[in-house]
Amino acid sequence: MAKIGIGVISFAHGHVNAYCQTMLAAMQDDVQLVACWDDDAARGQTQADKFGMRYSPHVEDVLNHP
């Protein structure tokens, strides 16, 4: 079965990190974190690196990711 791709729009609220950690730990066979955007580029890139996903400075890239 193909994994469900998850995109994250902003890491401004701390609970998003917990959601990402939970998805990777509990549902790793079913989901994949694929892309993220954040209005703070440094924060977005840091979290992208942490969770193994692609950061984009353009929210449209995340919304339009296949």
PDB file of N, CA and C in Angstrom:
ATOM      1  N   MET A   1       0.842  -1.176   0.000  1.00  0.00           N
ATOM      2  CA  MET A   1       0.000   0.000   0.000  1.00  0.00           C
ATOM      3  C   MET A   1       0.891   1.244   0.000  1.00  0.00           C
ATOM      4  N   ALA A   2       0.522   2.248  -0.761  1.00  0.00           N
ATOM      5  CA  ALA A   2       1.274   3.502  -0.817  1.00  0.00           C
ATOM      6  C   ALA A   2       1.073   4.304   0.466  1.00  0.00           C
ATOM      7  N   LYS A   3       2.122   5.020   0.835  1.00  0.00           N
ATOM      8  CA  LYS A   3       2.033   5.865   2.025  1.00  0.00           C
ATOM      9  C   LYS A   3       1.271   7.146   1.707  1.00  0.00           C
ATOM     10  N   ILE A   4       0.629   7.690   2.712  1.00  0.00           N
ATOM     11  CA  ILE A   4      -0.050   8.977   2.598  1.00  0.00           C
ATOM     12  C   ILE A   4       0.987  10.058   2.840  1.00  0.00           C
ATOM     13  N   GLY A   5       1.103  10.996   1.905  1.00  0.00           N
ATOM     14  CA  GLY A   5       2.045  12.100   2.046  1.00  0.00           C
ATOM     15  C   GLY A   5       1.443  13.219   2.877  1.00  0.00           C
ATOM     16  N   ILE A   6       2.206  13.713   3.835  1.00  0.00           N
ATOM     17  CA  ILE A   6       1.754  14.775   4.728  1.00  0.00           C
ATOM     18  C   ILE A   6       2.587  16.025   4.483  1.00  0.00           C
ATOM     19  N   GLY A   7       1.911  17.157   4.338  1.00  0.00           N
ATOM     20  CA  GLY A   7       2.573  18.451   4.246  1.00  0.00           C
ATOM     21  C   GLY A   7       2.254  19.265   5.482  1.00  0.00           C
ATOM     22  N   VAL A   8       3.227  20.022   5.954  1.00  0.00           N
ATOM     23  CA  VAL A   8       3.050  20.834   7.161  1.00  0.00           C
ATOM     24  C   VAL A   8       3.108  22.308   6.776  1.00  0.00           C
ATOM     25  N   ILE A   9       2.099  23.041   7.186  1.00  0.00           N
ATOM     26  CA  ILE A   9       2.037  24.484   6.956  1.00  0.00           C
ATOM     27  C   ILE A   9       2.293  25.173   8.290  1.00  0.00           C
ATOM     28  N   SER A  10       3.528  25.525   8.548  1.00  0.00           N
ATOM     29  CA  SER A  10       4.001  26.301   9.698  1.00  0.00           C
ATOM     30  C   SER A  10       4.292  25.458  10.938  1.00  0.00           C
ATOM     31  N   PHE A  11       5.427  25.755  11.516  1.00  0.00           N
ATOM     32  CA  PHE A  11       5.838  25.168  12.786  1.00  0.00           C
ATOM     33  C   PHE A  11       5.754  26.192  13.903  1.00  0.00           C
ATOM     34  N   ALA A  12       4.964  27.239  13.705  1.00  0.00           N
ATOM     35  CA  ALA A  12       4.872  28.330  14.682  1.00  0.00           C
ATOM     36  C   ALA A  12       4.323  27.869  16.030  1.00  0.00           C
ATOM     37  N   HIS A  13       3.499  26.858  16.034  1.00  0.00           N
ATOM     38  CA  HIS A  13       2.931  26.339  17.279  1.00  0.00           C
ATOM     39  C   HIS A  13       3.648  25.043  17.639  1.00  0.00           C
ATOM     40  N   GLY A  14       4.116  24.951  18.858  1.00  0.00           N
ATOM     41  CA  GLY A  14       4.929  23.824  19.295  1.00  0.00           C
ATOM     42  C   GLY A  14       4.291  22.462  19.151  1.00  0.00           C
ATOM     43  N   HIS A  15       2.970  22.393  19.209  1.00  0.00           N
ATOM     44  CA  HIS A  15       2.313  21.088  19.121  1.00  0.00           C
ATOM     45  C   HIS A  15       2.512  20.415  17.769  1.00  0.00           C
ATOM     46  N   VAL A  16       2.860  21.175  16.744  1.00  0.00           N
ATOM     47  CA  VAL A  16       3.083  20.585  15.420  1.00  0.00           C
ATOM     48  C   VAL A  16       4.248  19.600  15.471  1.00  0.00           C
ATOM     49  N   ASN A  17       5.269  19.917  16.255  1.00  0.00           N
ATOM     50  CA  ASN A  17       6.400  18.999  16.407  1.00  0.00           C
ATOM     51  C   ASN A  17       5.947  17.671  16.994  1.00  0.00           C
ATOM     52  N   ALA A  18       5.081  17.723  17.987  1.00  0.00           N
ATOM     53  CA  ALA A  18       4.566  16.490  18.590  1.00  0.00           C
ATOM     54  C   ALA A  18       3.756  15.689  17.581  1.00  0.00           C
ATOM     55  N   TYR A  19       2.964  16.365  16.769  1.00  0.00           N
ATOM     56  CA  TYR A  19       2.199  15.664  15.734  1.00  0.00           C
ATOM     57  C   TYR A  19       3.135  14.942  14.772  1.00  0.00           C
ATOM     58  N   CYS A  20       4.181  15.635  14.331  1.00  0.00           N
ATOM     59  CA  CYS A  20       5.131  15.030  13.392  1.00  0.00           C
ATOM     60  C   CYS A  20       5.846  13.841  14.028  1.00  0.00           C
ATOM     61  N   GLN A  21       6.288  13.991  15.263  1.00  0.00           N
ATOM     62  CA  GLN A  21       6.957  12.895  15.963  1.00  0.00           C
ATOM     63  C   GLN A  21       6.030  11.695  16.111  1.00  0.00           C
ATOM     64  N   THR A  22       4.777  11.949  16.442  1.00  0.00           N
ATOM     65  CA  THR A  22       3.810  10.867  16.604  1.00  0.00           C
ATOM     66  C   THR A  22       3.562  10.154  15.284  1.00  0.00           C
ATOM     67  N   MET A  23       3.405  10.917  14.217  1.00  0.00           N
ATOM     68  CA  MET A  23       3.177  10.290  12.912  1.00  0.00           C
ATOM     69  C   MET A  23       4.351   9.412  12.514  1.00  0.00           C
ATOM     70  N   LEU A  24       5.562   9.894  12.729  1.00  0.00           N
ATOM     71  CA  LEU A  24       6.736   9.105  12.367  1.00  0.00           C
ATOM     72  C   LEU A  24       6.892   7.868  13.246  1.00  0.00           C
ATOM     73  N   ALA A  25       6.585   7.997  14.522  1.00  0.00           N
ATOM     74  CA  ALA A  25       6.764   6.878  15.448  1.00  0.00           C
ATOM     75  C   ALA A  25       5.649   5.843  15.354  1.00  0.00           C
ATOM     76  N   ALA A  26       4.421   6.293  15.290  1.00  0.00           N
ATOM     77  CA  ALA A  26       3.281   5.377  15.383  1.00  0.00           C
ATOM     78  C   ALA A  26       2.718   4.950  14.036  1.00  0.00           C
ATOM     79  N   MET A  27       2.955   5.748  13.015  1.00  0.00           N
ATOM     80  CA  MET A  27       2.325   5.462  11.723  1.00  0.00           C
ATOM     81  C   MET A  27       3.330   5.430  10.583  1.00  0.00           C
ATOM     82  N   GLN A  28       4.582   5.097  10.879  1.00  0.00           N
ATOM     83  CA  GLN A  28       5.630   5.181   9.868  1.00  0.00           C
ATOM     84  C   GLN A  28       5.392   4.288   8.652  1.00  0.00           C
ATOM     85  N   ASP A  29       4.637   3.230   8.807  1.00  0.00           N
ATOM     86  CA  ASP A  29       4.336   2.365   7.670  1.00  0.00           C
ATOM     87  C   ASP A  29       3.242   2.940   6.778  1.00  0.00           C
ATOM     88  N   ASP A  30       2.498   3.918   7.294  1.00  0.00           N
ATOM     89  CA  ASP A  30       1.344   4.441   6.569  1.00  0.00           C
ATOM     90  C   ASP A  30       1.493   5.865   6.054  1.00  0.00           C
ATOM     91  N   VAL A  31       2.354   6.660   6.698  1.00  0.00           N
ATOM     92  CA  VAL A  31       2.490   8.065   6.305  1.00  0.00           C
ATOM     93  C   VAL A  31       3.948   8.436   6.071  1.00  0.00           C
ATOM     94  N   GLN A  32       4.120   9.507   5.304  1.00  0.00           N
ATOM     95  CA  GLN A  32       5.446  10.064   5.062  1.00  0.00           C
ATOM     96  C   GLN A  32       5.332  11.581   5.103  1.00  0.00           C
ATOM     97  N   LEU A  33       6.176  12.221   5.882  1.00  0.00           N
ATOM     98  CA  LEU A  33       6.224  13.678   5.900  1.00  0.00           C
ATOM     99  C   LEU A  33       7.018  14.102   4.672  1.00  0.00           C
ATOM    100  N   VAL A  34       6.378  14.823   3.755  1.00  0.00           N
ATOM    101  CA  VAL A  34       7.027  15.090   2.471  1.00  0.00           C
ATOM    102  C   VAL A  34       7.493  16.521   2.272  1.00  0.00           C
ATOM    103  N   ALA A  35       6.770  17.496   2.785  1.00  0.00           N
ATOM    104  CA  ALA A  35       7.132  18.889   2.521  1.00  0.00           C
ATOM    105  C   ALA A  35       6.572  19.797   3.603  1.00  0.00           C
ATOM    106  N   CYS A  36       7.238  20.954   3.760  1.00  0.00           N
ATOM    107  CA  CYS A  36       6.746  21.919   4.733  1.00  0.00           C
ATOM    108  C   CYS A  36       7.060  23.337   4.280  1.00  0.00           C
ATOM    109  N   TRP A  37       6.331  24.258   4.869  1.00  0.00           N
ATOM    110  CA  TRP A  37       6.522  25.699   4.681  1.00  0.00           C
ATOM    111  C   TRP A  37       6.421  26.346   6.044  1.00  0.00           C
ATOM    112  N   ASP A  38       7.152  27.446   6.209  1.00  0.00           N
ATOM    113  CA  ASP A  38       7.026  28.254   7.413  1.00  0.00           C
ATOM    114  C   ASP A  38       7.380  29.688   7.037  1.00  0.00           C
ATOM    115  N   ASP A  39       6.722  30.661   7.656  1.00  0.00           N
ATOM    116  CA  ASP A  39       7.032  32.055   7.347  1.00  0.00           C
ATOM    117  C   ASP A  39       8.398  32.462   7.895  1.00  0.00           C
ATOM    118  N   ASP A  40       8.946  31.658   8.792  1.00  0.00           N
ATOM    119  CA  ASP A  40      10.312  31.831   9.284  1.00  0.00           C
ATOM    120  C   ASP A  40      11.160  30.762   8.587  1.00  0.00           C
ATOM    121  N   ALA A  41      11.919  31.178   7.579  1.00  0.00           N
ATOM    122  CA  ALA A  41      12.661  30.223   6.751  1.00  0.00           C
ATOM    123  C   ALA A  41      13.638  29.371   7.560  1.00  0.00           C
ATOM    124  N   ALA A  42      14.316  29.975   8.524  1.00  0.00           N
ATOM    125  CA  ALA A  42      15.273  29.211   9.331  1.00  0.00           C
ATOM    126  C   ALA A  42      14.563  28.126  10.135  1.00  0.00           C
ATOM    127  N   ARG A  43      13.444  28.464  10.736  1.00  0.00           N
ATOM    128  CA  ARG A  43      12.672  27.481  11.508  1.00  0.00           C
ATOM    129  C   ARG A  43      12.153  26.384  10.582  1.00  0.00           C
ATOM    130  N   GLY A  44      11.641  26.762   9.434  1.00  0.00           N
ATOM    131  CA  GLY A  44      11.126  25.777   8.493  1.00  0.00           C
ATOM    132  C   GLY A  44      12.195  24.813   8.019  1.00  0.00           C
ATOM    133  N   GLN A  45      13.365  25.330   7.671  1.00  0.00           N
ATOM    134  CA  GLN A  45      14.448  24.464   7.199  1.00  0.00           C
ATOM    135  C   GLN A  45      14.956  23.558   8.310  1.00  0.00           C
ATOM    136  N   THR A  46      15.050  24.098   9.513  1.00  0.00           N
ATOM    137  CA  THR A  46      15.481  23.289  10.661  1.00  0.00           C
ATOM    138  C   THR A  46      14.539  22.118  10.889  1.00  0.00           C
ATOM    139  N   GLN A  47      13.241  22.380  10.861  1.00  0.00           N
ATOM    140  CA  GLN A  47      12.255  21.315  11.084  1.00  0.00           C
ATOM    141  C   GLN A  47      12.219  20.343   9.908  1.00  0.00           C
ATOM    142  N   ALA A  48      12.392  20.847   8.703  1.00  0.00           N
ATOM    143  CA  ALA A  48      12.449  19.964   7.535  1.00  0.00           C
ATOM    144  C   ALA A  48      13.607  18.983   7.679  1.00  0.00           C
ATOM    145  N   ASP A  49      14.765  19.493   8.072  1.00  0.00           N
ATOM    146  CA  ASP A  49      15.927  18.625   8.277  1.00  0.00           C
ATOM    147  C   ASP A  49      15.668  17.623   9.400  1.00  0.00           C
ATOM    148  N   LYS A  50      15.058  18.081  10.465  1.00  0.00           N
ATOM    149  CA  LYS A  50      14.770  17.225  11.621  1.00  0.00           C
ATOM    150  C   LYS A  50      13.851  16.063  11.262  1.00  0.00           C
ATOM    151  N   PHE A  51      12.841  16.339  10.432  1.00  0.00           N
ATOM    152  CA  PHE A  51      11.841  15.321  10.116  1.00  0.00           C
ATOM    153  C   PHE A  51      12.027  14.685   8.738  1.00  0.00           C
ATOM    154  N   GLY A  52      13.097  15.040   8.040  1.00  0.00           N
ATOM    155  CA  GLY A  52      13.393  14.400   6.762  1.00  0.00           C
ATOM    156  C   GLY A  52      12.438  14.756   5.645  1.00  0.00           C
ATOM    157  N   MET A  53      12.019  16.012   5.607  1.00  0.00           N
ATOM    158  CA  MET A  53      11.132  16.454   4.529  1.00  0.00           C
ATOM    159  C   MET A  53      11.739  17.647   3.811  1.00  0.00           C
ATOM    160  N   ARG A  54      11.132  18.039   2.727  1.00  0.00           N
ATOM    161  CA  ARG A  54      11.610  19.155   1.922  1.00  0.00           C
ATOM    162  C   ARG A  54      10.976  20.445   2.415  1.00  0.00           C
ATOM    163  N   TYR A  55      11.797  21.488   2.576  1.00  0.00           N
ATOM    164  CA  TYR A  55      11.290  22.816   2.925  1.00  0.00           C
ATOM    165  C   TYR A  55      11.124  23.638   1.655  1.00  0.00           C
ATOM    166  N   SER A  56      10.055  24.401   1.584  1.00  0.00           N
ATOM    167  CA  SER A  56       9.862  25.363   0.499  1.00  0.00           C
ATOM    168  C   SER A  56       9.511  26.718   1.091  1.00  0.00           C
ATOM    169  N   PRO A  57      10.085  27.786   0.541  1.00  0.00           N
ATOM    170  CA  PRO A  57       9.719  29.130   0.992  1.00  0.00           C
ATOM    171  C   PRO A  57       8.369  29.580   0.432  1.00  0.00           C
ATOM    172  N   HIS A  58       7.755  28.737  -0.376  1.00  0.00           N
ATOM    173  CA  HIS A  58       6.476  29.068  -1.014  1.00  0.00           C
ATOM    174  C   HIS A  58       5.403  28.075  -0.568  1.00  0.00           C
ATOM    175  N   VAL A  59       4.404  28.558   0.139  1.00  0.00           N
ATOM    176  CA  VAL A  59       3.352  27.686   0.648  1.00  0.00           C
ATOM    177  C   VAL A  59       2.643  26.948  -0.489  1.00  0.00           C
ATOM    178  N   GLU A  60       2.572  27.558  -1.648  1.00  0.00           N
ATOM    179  CA  GLU A  60       1.913  26.925  -2.795  1.00  0.00           C
ATOM    180  C   GLU A  60       2.598  25.623  -3.192  1.00  0.00           C
ATOM    181  N   ASP A  61       3.922  25.554  -3.018  1.00  0.00           N
ATOM    182  CA  ASP A  61       4.646  24.327  -3.352  1.00  0.00           C
ATOM    183  C   ASP A  61       4.185  23.161  -2.483  1.00  0.00           C
ATOM    184  N   VAL A  62       3.930  23.440  -1.219  1.00  0.00           N
ATOM    185  CA  VAL A  62       3.466  22.381  -0.312  1.00  0.00           C
ATOM    186  C   VAL A  62       2.032  21.990  -0.663  1.00  0.00           C
ATOM    187  N   LEU A  63       1.198  22.977  -0.904  1.00  0.00           N
ATOM    188  CA  LEU A  63      -0.206  22.696  -1.230  1.00  0.00           C
ATOM    189  C   LEU A  63      -0.357  21.947  -2.546  1.00  0.00           C
ATOM    190  N   ASN A  64       0.546  22.183  -3.481  1.00  0.00           N
ATOM    191  CA  ASN A  64       0.459  21.548  -4.796  1.00  0.00           C
ATOM    192  C   ASN A  64       1.332  20.313  -4.929  1.00  0.00           C
ATOM    193  N   HIS A  65       1.992  19.907  -3.861  1.00  0.00           N
ATOM    194  CA  HIS A  65       2.859  18.726  -3.916  1.00  0.00           C
ATOM    195  C   HIS A  65       1.996  17.504  -4.222  1.00  0.00           C
ATOM    196  N   PRO A  66       2.445  16.676  -5.159  1.00  0.00           N
ATOM    197  CA  PRO A  66       1.598  15.521  -5.536  1.00  0.00           C
ATOM    198  C   PRO A  66       1.402  14.490  -4.444  1.00  0.00           C
TER     199      PRO A  66
END
